[in-house]
Amino acid sequence: MKLEYKMTIKEARLLLGIKQVEFAKLVGVTRTQLSHWENGKFRPQPCNQEKIKDLVNVADPSIQIDFDKWI
């Protein structure tokens, strides 16, 4: 049985080796906004969730993001 692990936004970003400022630019938000998402202060809007999924899936389609998981 294969267990599925869903990563946080920060875990996925770090796995991809991308700095916050670079990742934020690719998503189309500020570094501050990305930091708020990574720290659980705010949750990304659905349109930004899709952008994040698309970015991560290009690098590694097996990575799943859990937008409700902060730590």
PDB file of N, CA and C in Angstrom:
ATOM      1  N   MET A   1       0.848  -1.182   0.000  1.00  0.00           N
ATOM      2  CA  MET A   1       0.000   0.000   0.000  1.00  0.00           C
ATOM      3  C   MET A   1       0.887   1.237   0.000  1.00  0.00           C
ATOM      4  N   LYS A   2       0.636   2.140  -0.934  1.00  0.00           N
ATOM      5  CA  LYS A   2       1.422   3.363  -1.052  1.00  0.00           C
ATOM      6  C   LYS A   2       0.798   4.454  -0.196  1.00  0.00           C
ATOM      7  N   LEU A   3       1.605   5.039   0.681  1.00  0.00           N
ATOM      8  CA  LEU A   3       1.132   6.141   1.503  1.00  0.00           C
ATOM      9  C   LEU A   3       1.342   7.444   0.761  1.00  0.00           C
ATOM     10  N   GLU A   4       0.363   8.313   0.834  1.00  0.00           N
ATOM     11  CA  GLU A   4       0.476   9.609   0.176  1.00  0.00           C
ATOM     12  C   GLU A   4       0.833  10.658   1.210  1.00  0.00           C
ATOM     13  N   TYR A   5       1.854  11.432   0.915  1.00  0.00           N
ATOM     14  CA  TYR A   5       2.276  12.509   1.803  1.00  0.00           C
ATOM     15  C   TYR A   5       2.076  13.823   1.078  1.00  0.00           C
ATOM     16  N   LYS A   6       1.375  14.715   1.708  1.00  0.00           N
ATOM     17  CA  LYS A   6       1.168  16.032   1.128  1.00  0.00           C
ATOM     18  C   LYS A   6       2.079  17.031   1.830  1.00  0.00           C
ATOM     19  N   MET A   7       2.817  17.775   1.038  1.00  0.00           N
ATOM     20  CA  MET A   7       3.764  18.744   1.569  1.00  0.00           C
ATOM     21  C   MET A   7       3.115  20.093   1.836  1.00  0.00           C
ATOM     22  N   THR A   8       3.764  20.850   2.725  1.00  0.00           N
ATOM     23  CA  THR A   8       3.379  22.246   2.894  1.00  0.00           C
ATOM     24  C   THR A   8       3.981  23.024   1.725  1.00  0.00           C
ATOM     25  N   ILE A   9       3.542  24.255   1.556  1.00  0.00           N
ATOM     26  CA  ILE A   9       4.097  25.106   0.505  1.00  0.00           C
ATOM     27  C   ILE A   9       5.602  25.267   0.723  1.00  0.00           C
ATOM     28  N   LYS A  10       5.993  25.512   1.948  1.00  0.00           N
ATOM     29  CA  LYS A  10       7.412  25.725   2.247  1.00  0.00           C
ATOM     30  C   LYS A  10       8.234  24.469   1.958  1.00  0.00           C
ATOM     31  N   GLU A  11       7.737  23.309   2.346  1.00  0.00           N
ATOM     32  CA  GLU A  11       8.461  22.063   2.083  1.00  0.00           C
ATOM     33  C   GLU A  11       8.675  21.864   0.583  1.00  0.00           C
ATOM     34  N   ALA A  12       7.638  22.124  -0.195  1.00  0.00           N
ATOM     35  CA  ALA A  12       7.740  21.963  -1.643  1.00  0.00           C
ATOM     36  C   ALA A  12       8.732  22.969  -2.225  1.00  0.00           C
ATOM     37  N   ARG A  13       8.665  24.208  -1.765  1.00  0.00           N
ATOM     38  CA  ARG A  13       9.577  25.245  -2.252  1.00  0.00           C
ATOM     39  C   ARG A  13      11.022  24.869  -1.929  1.00  0.00           C
ATOM     40  N   LEU A  14      11.263  24.426  -0.700  1.00  0.00           N
ATOM     41  CA  LEU A  14      12.618  24.049  -0.302  1.00  0.00           C
ATOM     42  C   LEU A  14      13.111  22.831  -1.077  1.00  0.00           C
ATOM     43  N   LEU A  15      12.238  21.874  -1.308  1.00  0.00           N
ATOM     44  CA  LEU A  15      12.604  20.693  -2.077  1.00  0.00           C
ATOM     45  C   LEU A  15      13.029  21.084  -3.492  1.00  0.00           C
ATOM     46  N   LEU A  16      12.356  22.086  -4.035  1.00  0.00           N
ATOM     47  CA  LEU A  16      12.684  22.559  -5.380  1.00  0.00           C
ATOM     48  C   LEU A  16      13.915  23.459  -5.391  1.00  0.00           C
ATOM     49  N   GLY A  17      14.372  23.888  -4.208  1.00  0.00           N
ATOM     50  CA  GLY A  17      15.563  24.723  -4.123  1.00  0.00           C
ATOM     51  C   GLY A  17      15.342  26.153  -4.574  1.00  0.00           C
ATOM     52  N   ILE A  18      14.142  26.666  -4.344  1.00  0.00           N
ATOM     53  CA  ILE A  18      13.795  28.020  -4.773  1.00  0.00           C
ATOM     54  C   ILE A  18      13.660  28.924  -3.555  1.00  0.00           C
ATOM     55  N   LYS A  19      14.269  30.104  -3.618  1.00  0.00           N
ATOM     56  CA  LYS A  19      14.147  31.080  -2.538  1.00  0.00           C
ATOM     57  C   LYS A  19      12.749  31.681  -2.546  1.00  0.00           C
ATOM     58  N   GLN A  20      12.336  32.203  -1.385  1.00  0.00           N
ATOM     59  CA  GLN A  20      10.993  32.783  -1.260  1.00  0.00           C
ATOM     60  C   GLN A  20      10.734  33.843  -2.319  1.00  0.00           C
ATOM     61  N   VAL A  21      11.672  34.742  -2.496  1.00  0.00           N
ATOM     62  CA  VAL A  21      11.461  35.848  -3.435  1.00  0.00           C
ATOM     63  C   VAL A  21      11.278  35.326  -4.867  1.00  0.00           C
ATOM     64  N   GLU A  22      12.023  34.296  -5.247  1.00  0.00           N
ATOM     65  CA  GLU A  22      11.892  33.713  -6.583  1.00  0.00           C
ATOM     66  C   GLU A  22      10.546  33.007  -6.747  1.00  0.00           C
ATOM     67  N   PHE A  23      10.181  32.208  -5.737  1.00  0.00           N
ATOM     68  CA  PHE A  23       8.924  31.463  -5.790  1.00  0.00           C
ATOM     69  C   PHE A  23       7.735  32.430  -5.838  1.00  0.00           C
ATOM     70  N   ALA A  24       7.798  33.471  -5.000  1.00  0.00           N
ATOM     71  CA  ALA A  24       6.725  34.467  -4.972  1.00  0.00           C
ATOM     72  C   ALA A  24       6.569  35.126  -6.338  1.00  0.00           C
ATOM     73  N   LYS A  25       7.683  35.459  -6.965  1.00  0.00           N
ATOM     74  CA  LYS A  25       7.638  36.096  -8.292  1.00  0.00           C
ATOM     75  C   LYS A  25       6.990  35.167  -9.319  1.00  0.00           C
ATOM     76  N   LEU A  26       7.325  33.879  -9.250  1.00  0.00           N
ATOM     77  CA  LEU A  26       6.735  32.910 -10.181  1.00  0.00           C
ATOM     78  C   LEU A  26       5.224  32.767  -9.972  1.00  0.00           C
ATOM     79  N   VAL A  27       4.787  32.885  -8.717  1.00  0.00           N
ATOM     80  CA  VAL A  27       3.360  32.764  -8.410  1.00  0.00           C
ATOM     81  C   VAL A  27       2.626  34.075  -8.711  1.00  0.00           C
ATOM     82  N   GLY A  28       3.368  35.197  -8.659  1.00  0.00           N
ATOM     83  CA  GLY A  28       2.759  36.499  -8.933  1.00  0.00           C
ATOM     84  C   GLY A  28       2.304  37.225  -7.684  1.00  0.00           C
ATOM     85  N   VAL A  29       2.985  36.953  -6.566  1.00  0.00           N
ATOM     86  CA  VAL A  29       2.669  37.615  -5.294  1.00  0.00           C
ATOM     87  C   VAL A  29       3.964  38.168  -4.705  1.00  0.00           C
ATOM     88  N   THR A  30       3.841  38.886  -3.608  1.00  0.00           N
ATOM     89  CA  THR A  30       5.026  39.404  -2.931  1.00  0.00           C
ATOM     90  C   THR A  30       5.650  38.326  -2.052  1.00  0.00           C
ATOM     91  N   ARG A  31       6.908  38.527  -1.701  1.00  0.00           N
ATOM     92  CA  ARG A  31       7.578  37.614  -0.793  1.00  0.00           C
ATOM     93  C   ARG A  31       6.880  37.596   0.555  1.00  0.00           C
ATOM     94  N   THR A  32       6.369  38.756   0.969  1.00  0.00           N
ATOM     95  CA  THR A  32       5.651  38.849   2.239  1.00  0.00           C
ATOM     96  C   THR A  32       4.397  37.988   2.218  1.00  0.00           C
ATOM     97  N   GLN A  33       3.658  38.043   1.126  1.00  0.00           N
ATOM     98  CA  GLN A  33       2.440  37.225   1.014  1.00  0.00           C
ATOM     99  C   GLN A  33       2.780  35.743   1.083  1.00  0.00           C
ATOM    100  N   LEU A  34       3.827  35.342   0.368  1.00  0.00           N
ATOM    101  CA  LEU A  34       4.253  33.941   0.403  1.00  0.00           C
ATOM    102  C   LEU A  34       4.649  33.544   1.823  1.00  0.00           C
ATOM    103  N   SER A  35       5.349  34.419   2.513  1.00  0.00           N
ATOM    104  CA  SER A  35       5.745  34.147   3.890  1.00  0.00           C
ATOM    105  C   SER A  35       4.526  33.945   4.785  1.00  0.00           C
ATOM    106  N   HIS A  36       3.500  34.757   4.589  1.00  0.00           N
ATOM    107  CA  HIS A  36       2.255  34.597   5.361  1.00  0.00           C
ATOM    108  C   HIS A  36       1.629  33.231   5.111  1.00  0.00           C
ATOM    109  N   TRP A  37       1.649  32.776   3.876  1.00  0.00           N
ATOM    110  CA  TRP A  37       1.105  31.451   3.558  1.00  0.00           C
ATOM    111  C   TRP A  37       1.921  30.369   4.233  1.00  0.00           C
ATOM    112  N   GLU A  38       3.246  30.489   4.123  1.00  0.00           N
ATOM    113  CA  GLU A  38       4.112  29.460   4.687  1.00  0.00           C
ATOM    114  C   GLU A  38       4.014  29.385   6.207  1.00  0.00           C
ATOM    115  N   ASN A  39       3.740  30.512   6.841  1.00  0.00           N
ATOM    116  CA  ASN A  39       3.658  30.553   8.301  1.00  0.00           C
ATOM    117  C   ASN A  39       2.243  30.376   8.837  1.00  0.00           C
ATOM    118  N   GLY A  40       1.275  30.194   7.955  1.00  0.00           N
ATOM    119  CA  GLY A  40      -0.088  29.920   8.376  1.00  0.00           C
ATOM    120  C   GLY A  40      -0.915  31.131   8.748  1.00  0.00           C
ATOM    121  N   LYS A  41      -0.421  32.313   8.449  1.00  0.00           N
ATOM    122  CA  LYS A  41      -1.186  33.514   8.770  1.00  0.00           C
ATOM    123  C   LYS A  41      -2.385  33.655   7.835  1.00  0.00           C
ATOM    124  N   PHE A  42      -2.173  33.317   6.580  1.00  0.00           N
ATOM    125  CA  PHE A  42      -3.237  33.348   5.581  1.00  0.00           C
ATOM    126  C   PHE A  42      -3.148  32.101   4.722  1.00  0.00           C
ATOM    127  N   ARG A  43      -4.245  31.803   4.051  1.00  0.00           N
ATOM    128  CA  ARG A  43      -4.297  30.684   3.116  1.00  0.00           C
ATOM    129  C   ARG A  43      -4.376  31.246   1.703  1.00  0.00           C
ATOM    130  N   PRO A  44      -3.653  30.674   0.748  1.00  0.00           N
ATOM    131  CA  PRO A  44      -3.717  31.177  -0.631  1.00  0.00           C
ATOM    132  C   PRO A  44      -5.122  31.050  -1.218  1.00  0.00           C
ATOM    133  N   GLN A  45      -5.490  32.034  -2.007  1.00  0.00           N
ATOM    134  CA  GLN A  45      -6.753  31.975  -2.731  1.00  0.00           C
ATOM    135  C   GLN A  45      -6.692  30.824  -3.737  1.00  0.00           C
ATOM    136  N   PRO A  46      -7.839  30.289  -4.138  1.00  0.00           N
ATOM    137  CA  PRO A  46      -7.841  29.160  -5.081  1.00  0.00           C
ATOM    138  C   PRO A  46      -7.028  29.407  -6.356  1.00  0.00           C
ATOM    139  N   CYS A  47      -7.066  30.622  -6.896  1.00  0.00           N
ATOM    140  CA  CYS A  47      -6.297  30.888  -8.116  1.00  0.00           C
ATOM    141  C   CYS A  47      -4.801  30.781  -7.846  1.00  0.00           C
ATOM    142  N   ASN A  48      -4.351  31.206  -6.678  1.00  0.00           N
ATOM    143  CA  ASN A  48      -2.937  31.086  -6.326  1.00  0.00           C
ATOM    144  C   ASN A  48      -2.567  29.652  -5.979  1.00  0.00           C
ATOM    145  N   GLN A  49      -3.502  28.913  -5.412  1.00  0.00           N
ATOM    146  CA  GLN A  49      -3.255  27.492  -5.150  1.00  0.00           C
ATOM    147  C   GLN A  49      -2.975  26.767  -6.462  1.00  0.00           C
ATOM    148  N   GLU A  50      -3.737  27.093  -7.491  1.00  0.00           N
ATOM    149  CA  GLU A  50      -3.543  26.465  -8.801  1.00  0.00           C
ATOM    150  C   GLU A  50      -2.182  26.817  -9.383  1.00  0.00           C
ATOM    151  N   LYS A  51      -1.767  28.078  -9.244  1.00  0.00           N
ATOM    152  CA  LYS A  51      -0.449  28.488  -9.737  1.00  0.00           C
ATOM    153  C   LYS A  51       0.654  27.726  -9.028  1.00  0.00           C
ATOM    154  N   ILE A  52       0.516  27.572  -7.713  1.00  0.00           N
ATOM    155  CA  ILE A  52       1.513  26.849  -6.934  1.00  0.00           C
ATOM    156  C   ILE A  52       1.552  25.385  -7.368  1.00  0.00           C
ATOM    157  N   LYS A  53       0.389  24.770  -7.504  1.00  0.00           N
ATOM    158  CA  LYS A  53       0.336  23.368  -7.952  1.00  0.00           C
ATOM    159  C   LYS A  53       1.003  23.212  -9.313  1.00  0.00           C
ATOM    160  N   ASP A  54       0.716  24.139 -10.225  1.00  0.00           N
ATOM    161  CA  ASP A  54       1.300  24.067 -11.568  1.00  0.00           C
ATOM    162  C   ASP A  54       2.819  24.170 -11.523  1.00  0.00           C
ATOM    163  N   LEU A  55       3.338  25.106 -10.741  1.00  0.00           N
ATOM    164  CA  LEU A  55       4.793  25.274 -10.619  1.00  0.00           C
ATOM    165  C   LEU A  55       5.454  24.025 -10.069  1.00  0.00           C
ATOM    166  N   VAL A  56       4.875  23.488  -9.023  1.00  0.00           N
ATOM    167  CA  VAL A  56       5.456  22.315  -8.376  1.00  0.00           C
ATOM    168  C   VAL A  56       5.339  21.096  -9.287  1.00  0.00           C
ATOM    169  N   ASN A  57       4.216  20.942  -9.965  1.00  0.00           N
ATOM    170  CA  ASN A  57       4.006  19.778 -10.831  1.00  0.00           C
ATOM    171  C   ASN A  57       4.931  19.757 -12.036  1.00  0.00           C
ATOM    172  N   VAL A  58       5.353  20.923 -12.514  1.00  0.00           N
ATOM    173  CA  VAL A  58       6.301  20.966 -13.622  1.00  0.00           C
ATOM    174  C   VAL A  58       7.620  20.338 -13.186  1.00  0.00           C
ATOM    175  N   ALA A  59       8.044  20.653 -11.962  1.00  0.00           N
ATOM    176  CA  ALA A  59       9.303  20.126 -11.439  1.00  0.00           C
ATOM    177  C   ALA A  59       9.190  18.661 -11.027  1.00  0.00           C
ATOM    178  N   ASP A  60       8.082  18.312 -10.387  1.00  0.00           N
ATOM    179  CA  ASP A  60       7.906  16.936  -9.895  1.00  0.00           C
ATOM    180  C   ASP A  60       6.417  16.640  -9.759  1.00  0.00           C
ATOM    181  N   PRO A  61       5.839  15.963 -10.740  1.00  0.00           N
ATOM    182  CA  PRO A  61       4.402  15.686 -10.729  1.00  0.00           C
ATOM    183  C   PRO A  61       3.917  14.858  -9.541  1.00  0.00           C
ATOM    184  N   SER A  62       4.824  14.187  -8.856  1.00  0.00           N
ATOM    185  CA  SER A  62       4.404  13.357  -7.728  1.00  0.00           C
ATOM    186  C   SER A  62       4.178  14.159  -6.443  1.00  0.00           C
ATOM    187  N   ILE A  63       4.617  15.423  -6.417  1.00  0.00           N
ATOM    188  CA  ILE A  63       4.463  16.237  -5.213  1.00  0.00           C
ATOM    189  C   ILE A  63       3.029  16.726  -5.088  1.00  0.00           C
ATOM    190  N   GLN A  64       2.451  16.526  -3.931  1.00  0.00           N
ATOM    191  CA  GLN A  64       1.107  17.010  -3.614  1.00  0.00           C
ATOM    192  C   GLN A  64       1.237  18.092  -2.552  1.00  0.00           C
ATOM    193  N   ILE A  65       0.485  19.169  -2.687  1.00  0.00           N
ATOM    194  CA  ILE A  65       0.526  20.263  -1.718  1.00  0.00           C
ATOM    195  C   ILE A  65      -0.733  20.211  -0.855  1.00  0.00           C
ATOM    196  N   ASP A  66      -0.551  20.350   0.434  1.00  0.00           N
ATOM    197  CA  ASP A  66      -1.679  20.427   1.374  1.00  0.00           C
ATOM    198  C   ASP A  66      -1.799  21.875   1.825  1.00  0.00           C
ATOM    199  N   PHE A  67      -2.780  22.578   1.307  1.00  0.00           N
ATOM    200  CA  PHE A  67      -2.951  24.000   1.618  1.00  0.00           C
ATOM    201  C   PHE A  67      -3.549  24.241   2.984  1.00  0.00           C
ATOM    202  N   ASP A  68      -3.930  23.188   3.665  1.00  0.00           N
ATOM    203  CA  ASP A  68      -4.455  23.312   5.041  1.00  0.00           C
ATOM    204  C   ASP A  68      -3.396  22.950   6.075  1.00  0.00           C
ATOM    205  N   LYS A  69      -2.247  22.536   5.613  1.00  0.00           N
ATOM    206  CA  LYS A  69      -1.171  22.091   6.500  1.00  0.00           C
ATOM    207  C   LYS A  69      -0.090  23.181   6.552  1.00  0.00           C
ATOM    208  N   TRP A  70       0.208  23.606   7.762  1.00  0.00           N
ATOM    209  CA  TRP A  70       1.163  24.722   7.873  1.00  0.00           C
ATOM    210  C   TRP A  70       2.514  24.288   8.389  1.00  0.00           C
ATOM    211  N   ILE A  71       2.570  23.316   9.259  1.00  0.00           N
ATOM    212  CA  ILE A  71       3.854  22.947   9.858  1.00  0.00           C
ATOM    213  C   ILE A  71       4.139  21.482   9.584  1.00  0.00           C
TER     214      ILE A  71
END
